[in-house]
Amino acid sequence: MRFIERALLPSLRRPVVFSDLLPGVGGGATEQGRWKQAVGKFGERQAAAFLKREQGMKILYRNFRAPKGGEIDLICRDGDTLVFIEVKTRSTLAYGRPAEAVNKKKQLLIVRGALEWLRLLDHPEILFRFDIVEILLTDGEVPEINLIKNAFNLPEHLIY
């Protein structure tokens, strides 16, 4: 079952001011990279707070990088389910919704990271799922946070 939950955190009821995210950034290529990184880090912090406070999840790990490739922004526990979460933050809809950036290639990186995490746990018989948290920032407005549960599944060729 896939559904989207929308919520506003009490701490996020204040409008976002872009100049506060990365003061002094102009428009150069290096500055654009710093801007994207600042927006991404801000989004991950907001997603973690949202998942913990509003969804009751326990944050187990942030920014897991598997040795042989694979990455997961947040690993959480939601009741008896392990949740591997990709956070996508955008400051414009010019290229579509943030979740649309989680294409098959990105999903495979997340799956690779999840399989490595499960291997480190000695392949427990545990329920798990893949979620996406998308955050849309608009200068001067309250951020929009969407949780997409069960955003994608483990590819069939990896199910045994």
N, C-alpha and C. Protein backbone atom coordinates (compact mmCIF):
# COMPACT_ATOMS: atom_id res chain seq x y z
N MET A 1 0.84 -1.17 0.00
CA MET A 1 0.00 0.00 0.00
C MET A 1 0.89 1.24 0.00
N ARG A 2 0.61 2.18 -0.88
CA ARG A 2 1.39 3.40 -0.98
C ARG A 2 0.48 4.59 -0.71
N PHE A 3 0.89 5.45 0.18
CA PHE A 3 0.12 6.65 0.42
C PHE A 3 1.08 7.76 0.84
N ILE A 4 0.58 8.96 0.76
CA ILE A 4 1.39 10.12 1.11
C ILE A 4 0.78 10.79 2.32
N GLU A 5 1.63 11.09 3.31
CA GLU A 5 1.17 11.85 4.46
C GLU A 5 1.79 13.23 4.37
N ARG A 6 1.01 14.23 4.63
CA ARG A 6 1.50 15.60 4.61
C ARG A 6 1.41 16.14 6.04
N ALA A 7 2.43 16.86 6.44
CA ALA A 7 2.39 17.42 7.78
C ALA A 7 3.31 18.63 7.85
N LEU A 8 3.04 19.45 8.82
CA LEU A 8 3.90 20.59 9.11
C LEU A 8 4.35 20.45 10.56
N LEU A 9 5.64 20.47 10.78
CA LEU A 9 6.15 20.43 12.14
C LEU A 9 5.92 21.77 12.82
N PRO A 10 5.67 21.74 14.12
CA PRO A 10 5.53 23.02 14.81
C PRO A 10 6.75 23.92 14.57
N SER A 11 7.95 23.36 14.59
CA SER A 11 9.16 24.15 14.38
C SER A 11 9.28 24.61 12.93
N LEU A 12 8.53 23.99 12.02
CA LEU A 12 8.60 24.36 10.62
C LEU A 12 7.43 25.25 10.21
N ARG A 13 6.66 25.70 11.17
CA ARG A 13 5.55 26.59 10.83
C ARG A 13 6.08 27.98 10.47
N ARG A 14 7.37 28.18 10.74
CA ARG A 14 7.99 29.44 10.36
C ARG A 14 8.45 29.35 8.92
N PRO A 15 8.31 30.42 8.18
CA PRO A 15 8.77 30.41 6.79
C PRO A 15 10.28 30.20 6.70
N VAL A 16 10.71 29.57 5.63
CA VAL A 16 12.13 29.37 5.36
C VAL A 16 12.65 30.62 4.67
N VAL A 17 13.79 31.07 5.10
CA VAL A 17 14.45 32.20 4.46
C VAL A 17 15.73 31.66 3.83
N PHE A 18 15.77 31.64 2.51
CA PHE A 18 16.89 31.02 1.80
C PHE A 18 18.24 31.60 2.22
N SER A 19 18.30 32.89 2.45
CA SER A 19 19.59 33.49 2.82
C SER A 19 20.10 32.97 4.16
N ASP A 20 19.20 32.42 4.99
CA ASP A 20 19.63 31.83 6.27
C ASP A 20 20.26 30.46 6.09
N LEU A 21 19.92 29.76 5.00
CA LEU A 21 20.47 28.43 4.77
C LEU A 21 21.95 28.48 4.46
N LEU A 22 22.36 29.44 3.66
CA LEU A 22 23.76 29.56 3.28
C LEU A 22 24.04 31.03 2.99
N PRO A 23 24.35 31.79 4.03
CA PRO A 23 24.56 33.23 3.84
C PRO A 23 25.71 33.51 2.86
N GLY A 24 25.54 34.54 2.09
CA GLY A 24 26.61 35.01 1.22
C GLY A 24 26.77 34.26 -0.07
N VAL A 25 25.85 33.40 -0.45
CA VAL A 25 25.99 32.64 -1.69
C VAL A 25 25.45 33.47 -2.85
N GLY A 26 26.25 33.59 -3.87
CA GLY A 26 25.86 34.31 -5.09
C GLY A 26 25.33 33.33 -6.11
N GLY A 27 25.94 33.29 -7.31
CA GLY A 27 25.40 32.44 -8.36
C GLY A 27 26.45 31.62 -9.07
N GLY A 28 27.70 31.57 -8.61
CA GLY A 28 28.76 30.81 -9.28
C GLY A 28 28.55 29.31 -9.17
N ALA A 29 29.30 28.56 -9.99
CA ALA A 29 29.17 27.10 -10.01
C ALA A 29 29.51 26.49 -8.66
N THR A 30 30.60 26.95 -8.03
CA THR A 30 30.99 26.42 -6.72
C THR A 30 29.93 26.77 -5.69
N GLU A 31 29.43 27.98 -5.76
CA GLU A 31 28.40 28.41 -4.82
C GLU A 31 27.10 27.64 -5.03
N GLN A 32 26.81 27.30 -6.28
CA GLN A 32 25.60 26.51 -6.55
C GLN A 32 25.73 25.13 -5.90
N GLY A 33 26.90 24.53 -5.96
CA GLY A 33 27.13 23.24 -5.31
C GLY A 33 26.97 23.35 -3.80
N ARG A 34 27.50 24.42 -3.23
CA ARG A 34 27.37 24.64 -1.78
C ARG A 34 25.90 24.84 -1.41
N TRP A 35 25.16 25.54 -2.28
CA TRP A 35 23.74 25.79 -2.04
C TRP A 35 22.97 24.47 -2.02
N LYS A 36 23.21 23.62 -3.04
CA LYS A 36 22.51 22.34 -3.11
C LYS A 36 22.83 21.49 -1.89
N GLN A 37 24.09 21.51 -1.46
CA GLN A 37 24.49 20.73 -0.29
C GLN A 37 23.79 21.27 0.97
N ALA A 38 23.73 22.60 1.11
CA ALA A 38 23.06 23.20 2.28
C ALA A 38 21.58 22.86 2.30
N VAL A 39 20.94 22.92 1.14
CA VAL A 39 19.51 22.59 1.05
C VAL A 39 19.30 21.12 1.41
N GLY A 40 20.16 20.24 0.90
CA GLY A 40 20.05 18.81 1.19
C GLY A 40 20.22 18.51 2.67
N LYS A 41 21.23 19.10 3.30
CA LYS A 41 21.45 18.87 4.74
C LYS A 41 20.29 19.41 5.57
N PHE A 42 19.79 20.59 5.19
CA PHE A 42 18.63 21.15 5.88
C PHE A 42 17.45 20.20 5.78
N GLY A 43 17.21 19.69 4.57
CA GLY A 43 16.10 18.77 4.35
C GLY A 43 16.23 17.50 5.17
N GLU A 44 17.43 16.95 5.24
CA GLU A 44 17.62 15.71 6.03
C GLU A 44 17.36 15.95 7.51
N ARG A 45 17.78 17.10 8.02
CA ARG A 45 17.50 17.42 9.44
C ARG A 45 16.00 17.54 9.67
N GLN A 46 15.31 18.21 8.75
CA GLN A 46 13.87 18.39 8.90
C GLN A 46 13.13 17.05 8.77
N ALA A 47 13.59 16.21 7.85
CA ALA A 47 12.97 14.90 7.67
C ALA A 47 13.13 14.05 8.93
N ALA A 48 14.33 14.05 9.51
CA ALA A 48 14.56 13.27 10.72
C ALA A 48 13.66 13.75 11.86
N ALA A 49 13.55 15.06 12.01
CA ALA A 49 12.69 15.61 13.07
C ALA A 49 11.23 15.25 12.82
N PHE A 50 10.80 15.36 11.58
CA PHE A 50 9.42 15.01 11.21
C PHE A 50 9.13 13.54 11.51
N LEU A 51 10.04 12.66 11.08
CA LEU A 51 9.82 11.22 11.27
C LEU A 51 9.77 10.86 12.75
N LYS A 52 10.62 11.49 13.52
CA LYS A 52 10.67 11.20 14.95
C LYS A 52 9.45 11.77 15.68
N ARG A 53 9.18 13.06 15.48
CA ARG A 53 8.11 13.72 16.23
C ARG A 53 6.71 13.41 15.72
N GLU A 54 6.55 13.43 14.42
CA GLU A 54 5.21 13.30 13.85
C GLU A 54 4.83 11.87 13.50
N GLN A 55 5.81 11.04 13.20
CA GLN A 55 5.52 9.67 12.79
C GLN A 55 5.89 8.65 13.87
N GLY A 56 6.58 9.07 14.91
CA GLY A 56 6.94 8.18 16.00
C GLY A 56 8.02 7.18 15.64
N MET A 57 8.79 7.45 14.59
CA MET A 57 9.87 6.54 14.20
C MET A 57 11.11 6.80 15.05
N LYS A 58 11.91 5.78 15.18
CA LYS A 58 13.20 5.90 15.87
C LYS A 58 14.28 5.98 14.78
N ILE A 59 15.09 7.02 14.84
CA ILE A 59 16.19 7.18 13.88
C ILE A 59 17.34 6.31 14.36
N LEU A 60 17.74 5.34 13.53
CA LEU A 60 18.82 4.43 13.88
C LEU A 60 20.16 4.89 13.33
N TYR A 61 20.15 5.46 12.13
CA TYR A 61 21.41 5.84 11.49
C TYR A 61 21.13 6.88 10.41
N ARG A 62 22.09 7.79 10.24
CA ARG A 62 21.98 8.81 9.19
C ARG A 62 23.15 8.65 8.23
N ASN A 63 22.86 8.81 6.96
CA ASN A 63 23.88 8.81 5.91
C ASN A 63 24.74 7.54 5.90
N PHE A 64 24.10 6.40 5.82
CA PHE A 64 24.81 5.13 5.74
C PHE A 64 25.38 4.96 4.33
N ARG A 65 26.66 4.66 4.25
CA ARG A 65 27.33 4.41 2.97
C ARG A 65 27.93 3.01 3.02
N ALA A 66 27.47 2.15 2.14
CA ALA A 66 27.97 0.77 2.08
C ALA A 66 29.37 0.78 1.46
N PRO A 67 30.25 -0.10 1.90
CA PRO A 67 31.62 -0.13 1.39
C PRO A 67 31.72 -0.34 -0.12
N LYS A 68 30.83 -1.12 -0.69
CA LYS A 68 30.91 -1.41 -2.13
C LYS A 68 29.84 -0.66 -2.91
N GLY A 69 29.47 0.50 -2.42
CA GLY A 69 28.44 1.30 -3.08
C GLY A 69 27.10 1.08 -2.45
N GLY A 70 26.28 2.07 -2.54
CA GLY A 70 24.96 2.02 -1.92
C GLY A 70 24.90 3.05 -0.82
N GLU A 71 23.79 3.72 -0.73
CA GLU A 71 23.65 4.79 0.25
C GLU A 71 22.20 4.92 0.70
N ILE A 72 22.07 5.28 1.97
CA ILE A 72 20.75 5.48 2.55
C ILE A 72 20.82 6.73 3.42
N ASP A 73 19.89 7.65 3.21
CA ASP A 73 19.89 8.89 3.98
C ASP A 73 19.53 8.64 5.44
N LEU A 74 18.45 7.91 5.68
CA LEU A 74 18.00 7.64 7.05
C LEU A 74 17.57 6.18 7.16
N ILE A 75 17.99 5.56 8.24
CA ILE A 75 17.51 4.22 8.56
C ILE A 75 16.74 4.36 9.86
N CYS A 76 15.48 3.94 9.85
CA CYS A 76 14.59 4.14 10.98
C CYS A 76 13.90 2.84 11.36
N ARG A 77 13.32 2.86 12.55
CA ARG A 77 12.45 1.77 12.97
C ARG A 77 11.06 2.36 13.16
N ASP A 78 10.10 1.74 12.52
CA ASP A 78 8.69 2.13 12.64
C ASP A 78 7.96 0.92 13.19
N GLY A 79 7.82 0.87 14.50
CA GLY A 79 7.24 -0.31 15.13
C GLY A 79 8.18 -1.49 14.94
N ASP A 80 7.68 -2.56 14.29
CA ASP A 80 8.52 -3.73 14.06
C ASP A 80 9.09 -3.75 12.64
N THR A 81 9.05 -2.60 11.95
CA THR A 81 9.52 -2.52 10.57
C THR A 81 10.75 -1.64 10.47
N LEU A 82 11.75 -2.13 9.77
CA LEU A 82 12.95 -1.35 9.46
C LEU A 82 12.64 -0.54 8.21
N VAL A 83 12.94 0.75 8.24
CA VAL A 83 12.58 1.63 7.13
C VAL A 83 13.84 2.29 6.58
N PHE A 84 14.07 2.11 5.29
CA PHE A 84 15.18 2.74 4.58
C PHE A 84 14.59 3.95 3.85
N ILE A 85 15.10 5.14 4.17
CA ILE A 85 14.46 6.36 3.70
C ILE A 85 15.41 7.21 2.85
N GLU A 86 14.91 7.61 1.71
CA GLU A 86 15.59 8.58 0.85
C GLU A 86 14.92 9.93 1.06
N VAL A 87 15.72 10.95 1.31
CA VAL A 87 15.21 12.30 1.50
C VAL A 87 15.56 13.12 0.27
N LYS A 88 14.57 13.74 -0.32
CA LYS A 88 14.78 14.62 -1.47
C LYS A 88 14.20 15.99 -1.15
N THR A 89 15.06 16.99 -1.20
CA THR A 89 14.67 18.35 -0.90
C THR A 89 14.88 19.21 -2.14
N ARG A 90 13.91 20.02 -2.45
CA ARG A 90 14.00 20.90 -3.62
C ARG A 90 13.52 22.29 -3.25
N SER A 91 14.06 23.26 -3.94
CA SER A 91 13.64 24.65 -3.73
C SER A 91 12.85 25.16 -4.93
N THR A 92 12.56 24.26 -5.86
CA THR A 92 11.76 24.62 -7.03
C THR A 92 11.11 23.36 -7.60
N LEU A 93 9.99 23.53 -8.24
CA LEU A 93 9.33 22.42 -8.92
C LEU A 93 9.63 22.42 -10.42
N ALA A 94 10.61 23.21 -10.82
CA ALA A 94 10.94 23.33 -12.24
C ALA A 94 11.28 21.98 -12.87
N TYR A 95 11.81 21.06 -12.09
CA TYR A 95 12.19 19.74 -12.61
C TYR A 95 11.29 18.64 -12.07
N GLY A 96 10.13 19.01 -11.57
CA GLY A 96 9.18 18.03 -11.04
C GLY A 96 9.24 17.92 -9.53
N ARG A 97 8.41 17.04 -8.99
CA ARG A 97 8.37 16.79 -7.54
C ARG A 97 9.69 16.17 -7.11
N PRO A 98 10.12 16.42 -5.87
CA PRO A 98 11.38 15.85 -5.40
C PRO A 98 11.44 14.32 -5.52
N ALA A 99 10.35 13.63 -5.22
CA ALA A 99 10.35 12.16 -5.26
C ALA A 99 10.58 11.62 -6.66
N GLU A 100 10.27 12.41 -7.69
CA GLU A 100 10.48 11.95 -9.06
C GLU A 100 11.96 11.75 -9.38
N ALA A 101 12.84 12.34 -8.58
CA ALA A 101 14.28 12.18 -8.79
C ALA A 101 14.78 10.82 -8.32
N VAL A 102 13.95 10.07 -7.62
CA VAL A 102 14.35 8.75 -7.15
C VAL A 102 14.01 7.75 -8.26
N ASN A 103 14.85 7.75 -9.29
CA ASN A 103 14.66 6.87 -10.45
C ASN A 103 15.18 5.46 -10.15
N LYS A 104 15.11 4.58 -11.14
CA LYS A 104 15.54 3.18 -10.94
C LYS A 104 17.00 3.08 -10.51
N LYS A 105 17.85 3.91 -11.09
CA LYS A 105 19.28 3.89 -10.74
C LYS A 105 19.48 4.26 -9.27
N LYS A 106 18.78 5.30 -8.81
CA LYS A 106 18.87 5.73 -7.42
C LYS A 106 18.27 4.66 -6.51
N GLN A 107 17.16 4.06 -6.93
CA GLN A 107 16.55 3.00 -6.14
C GLN A 107 17.52 1.84 -5.94
N LEU A 108 18.27 1.49 -6.98
CA LEU A 108 19.23 0.39 -6.86
C LEU A 108 20.35 0.72 -5.88
N LEU A 109 20.78 1.98 -5.83
CA LEU A 109 21.78 2.38 -4.84
C LEU A 109 21.23 2.24 -3.42
N ILE A 110 19.98 2.63 -3.25
CA ILE A 110 19.34 2.51 -1.94
C ILE A 110 19.18 1.04 -1.56
N VAL A 111 18.74 0.23 -2.50
CA VAL A 111 18.59 -1.21 -2.25
C VAL A 111 19.94 -1.83 -1.90
N ARG A 112 20.98 -1.46 -2.63
CA ARG A 112 22.32 -2.00 -2.33
C ARG A 112 22.74 -1.65 -0.91
N GLY A 113 22.48 -0.42 -0.51
CA GLY A 113 22.79 -0.02 0.87
C GLY A 113 21.95 -0.78 1.88
N ALA A 114 20.68 -0.98 1.57
CA ALA A 114 19.79 -1.71 2.49
C ALA A 114 20.23 -3.15 2.64
N LEU A 115 20.61 -3.79 1.55
CA LEU A 115 21.07 -5.18 1.62
C LEU A 115 22.35 -5.29 2.44
N GLU A 116 23.22 -4.31 2.32
CA GLU A 116 24.45 -4.32 3.13
C GLU A 116 24.11 -4.13 4.60
N TRP A 117 23.16 -3.26 4.90
CA TRP A 117 22.74 -3.05 6.29
C TRP A 117 22.17 -4.37 6.86
N LEU A 118 21.34 -5.02 6.09
CA LEU A 118 20.77 -6.30 6.54
C LEU A 118 21.85 -7.36 6.70
N ARG A 119 22.86 -7.35 5.82
CA ARG A 119 23.98 -8.29 5.94
C ARG A 119 24.73 -8.03 7.25
N LEU A 120 24.92 -6.76 7.59
CA LEU A 120 25.60 -6.43 8.85
C LEU A 120 24.80 -6.90 10.06
N LEU A 121 23.49 -7.01 9.89
CA LEU A 121 22.63 -7.52 10.96
C LEU A 121 22.52 -9.04 10.91
N ASP A 122 23.31 -9.67 10.05
CA ASP A 122 23.33 -11.11 9.86
C ASP A 122 22.03 -11.61 9.23
N HIS A 123 21.49 -10.86 8.28
CA HIS A 123 20.29 -11.22 7.51
C HIS A 123 19.13 -11.67 8.40
N PRO A 124 18.68 -10.79 9.29
CA PRO A 124 17.57 -11.19 10.17
C PRO A 124 16.27 -11.29 9.38
N GLU A 125 15.37 -12.09 9.90
CA GLU A 125 14.02 -12.16 9.35
C GLU A 125 13.27 -10.96 9.91
N ILE A 126 13.29 -9.90 9.15
CA ILE A 126 12.70 -8.65 9.64
C ILE A 126 11.92 -7.98 8.51
N LEU A 127 10.83 -7.36 8.87
CA LEU A 127 10.07 -6.60 7.89
C LEU A 127 10.83 -5.32 7.57
N PHE A 128 10.84 -4.94 6.30
CA PHE A 128 11.44 -3.66 5.94
C PHE A 128 10.72 -3.09 4.74
N ARG A 129 10.91 -1.77 4.57
CA ARG A 129 10.30 -1.09 3.44
C ARG A 129 11.18 0.09 3.03
N PHE A 130 10.84 0.65 1.86
CA PHE A 130 11.57 1.79 1.32
C PHE A 130 10.61 2.97 1.23
N ASP A 131 10.94 4.05 1.94
CA ASP A 131 10.12 5.26 1.93
C ASP A 131 10.91 6.41 1.31
N ILE A 132 10.18 7.41 0.90
CA ILE A 132 10.78 8.66 0.44
C ILE A 132 10.15 9.79 1.23
N VAL A 133 10.98 10.70 1.72
CA VAL A 133 10.48 11.94 2.30
C VAL A 133 10.88 13.04 1.33
N GLU A 134 9.87 13.74 0.82
CA GLU A 134 10.16 14.86 -0.06
C GLU A 134 9.83 16.15 0.66
N ILE A 135 10.75 17.10 0.49
CA ILE A 135 10.59 18.40 1.14
C ILE A 135 10.69 19.46 0.07
N LEU A 136 9.70 20.31 0.05
CA LEU A 136 9.68 21.41 -0.91
C LEU A 136 9.82 22.72 -0.14
N LEU A 137 10.89 23.44 -0.47
CA LEU A 137 11.16 24.72 0.18
C LEU A 137 10.84 25.85 -0.78
N THR A 138 10.11 26.81 -0.30
CA THR A 138 9.83 28.01 -1.06
C THR A 138 10.22 29.18 -0.18
N ASP A 139 11.06 30.06 -0.71
CA ASP A 139 11.55 31.20 0.06
C ASP A 139 10.37 31.99 0.62
N GLY A 140 10.41 32.21 1.94
CA GLY A 140 9.36 32.98 2.59
C GLY A 140 8.11 32.20 2.95
N GLU A 141 8.10 30.89 2.68
CA GLU A 141 6.93 30.07 2.99
C GLU A 141 7.30 28.90 3.90
N VAL A 142 6.29 28.33 4.51
CA VAL A 142 6.49 27.16 5.38
C VAL A 142 6.82 25.96 4.50
N PRO A 143 7.86 25.17 4.85
CA PRO A 143 8.21 23.99 4.05
C PRO A 143 7.07 22.98 3.99
N GLU A 144 6.98 22.30 2.88
CA GLU A 144 6.01 21.22 2.69
C GLU A 144 6.77 19.91 2.82
N ILE A 145 6.29 19.02 3.69
CA ILE A 145 6.93 17.72 3.90
C ILE A 145 5.93 16.63 3.55
N ASN A 146 6.33 15.73 2.67
CA ASN A 146 5.49 14.60 2.27
C ASN A 146 6.22 13.31 2.55
N LEU A 147 5.57 12.40 3.22
CA LEU A 147 6.11 11.06 3.46
C LEU A 147 5.42 10.10 2.50
N ILE A 148 6.21 9.43 1.68
CA ILE A 148 5.67 8.44 0.75
C ILE A 148 6.12 7.07 1.27
N LYS A 149 5.20 6.38 1.91
CA LYS A 149 5.52 5.05 2.45
C LYS A 149 5.48 4.02 1.32
N ASN A 150 6.34 3.00 1.44
CA ASN A 150 6.41 1.95 0.42
C ASN A 150 6.55 2.55 -0.98
N ALA A 151 7.46 3.50 -1.11
CA ALA A 151 7.63 4.24 -2.37
C ALA A 151 8.07 3.32 -3.51
N PHE A 152 8.84 2.29 -3.19
CA PHE A 152 9.24 1.29 -4.18
C PHE A 152 9.56 0.00 -3.45
N ASN A 153 9.66 -1.08 -4.20
CA ASN A 153 9.89 -2.41 -3.62
C ASN A 153 11.27 -2.93 -3.97
N LEU A 154 11.67 -3.96 -3.27
CA LEU A 154 12.89 -4.69 -3.60
C LEU A 154 12.69 -5.30 -4.98
N PRO A 155 13.64 -5.13 -5.91
CA PRO A 155 13.48 -5.73 -7.23
C PRO A 155 13.27 -7.23 -7.14
N GLU A 156 12.41 -7.76 -8.00
CA GLU A 156 12.04 -9.17 -7.95
C GLU A 156 13.25 -10.11 -8.03
N HIS A 157 14.26 -9.75 -8.82
CA HIS A 157 15.41 -10.65 -8.96
C HIS A 157 16.23 -10.75 -7.67
N LEU A 158 15.95 -9.89 -6.69
CA LEU A 158 16.66 -9.96 -5.41
C LEU A 158 15.83 -10.61 -4.31
N ILE A 159 14.60 -10.96 -4.62
CA ILE A 159 13.74 -11.63 -3.63
C ILE A 159 13.98 -13.12 -3.71
N TYR A 160 14.28 -13.70 -2.56
CA TYR A 160 14.50 -15.14 -2.51
C TYR A 160 13.78 -15.77 -1.38
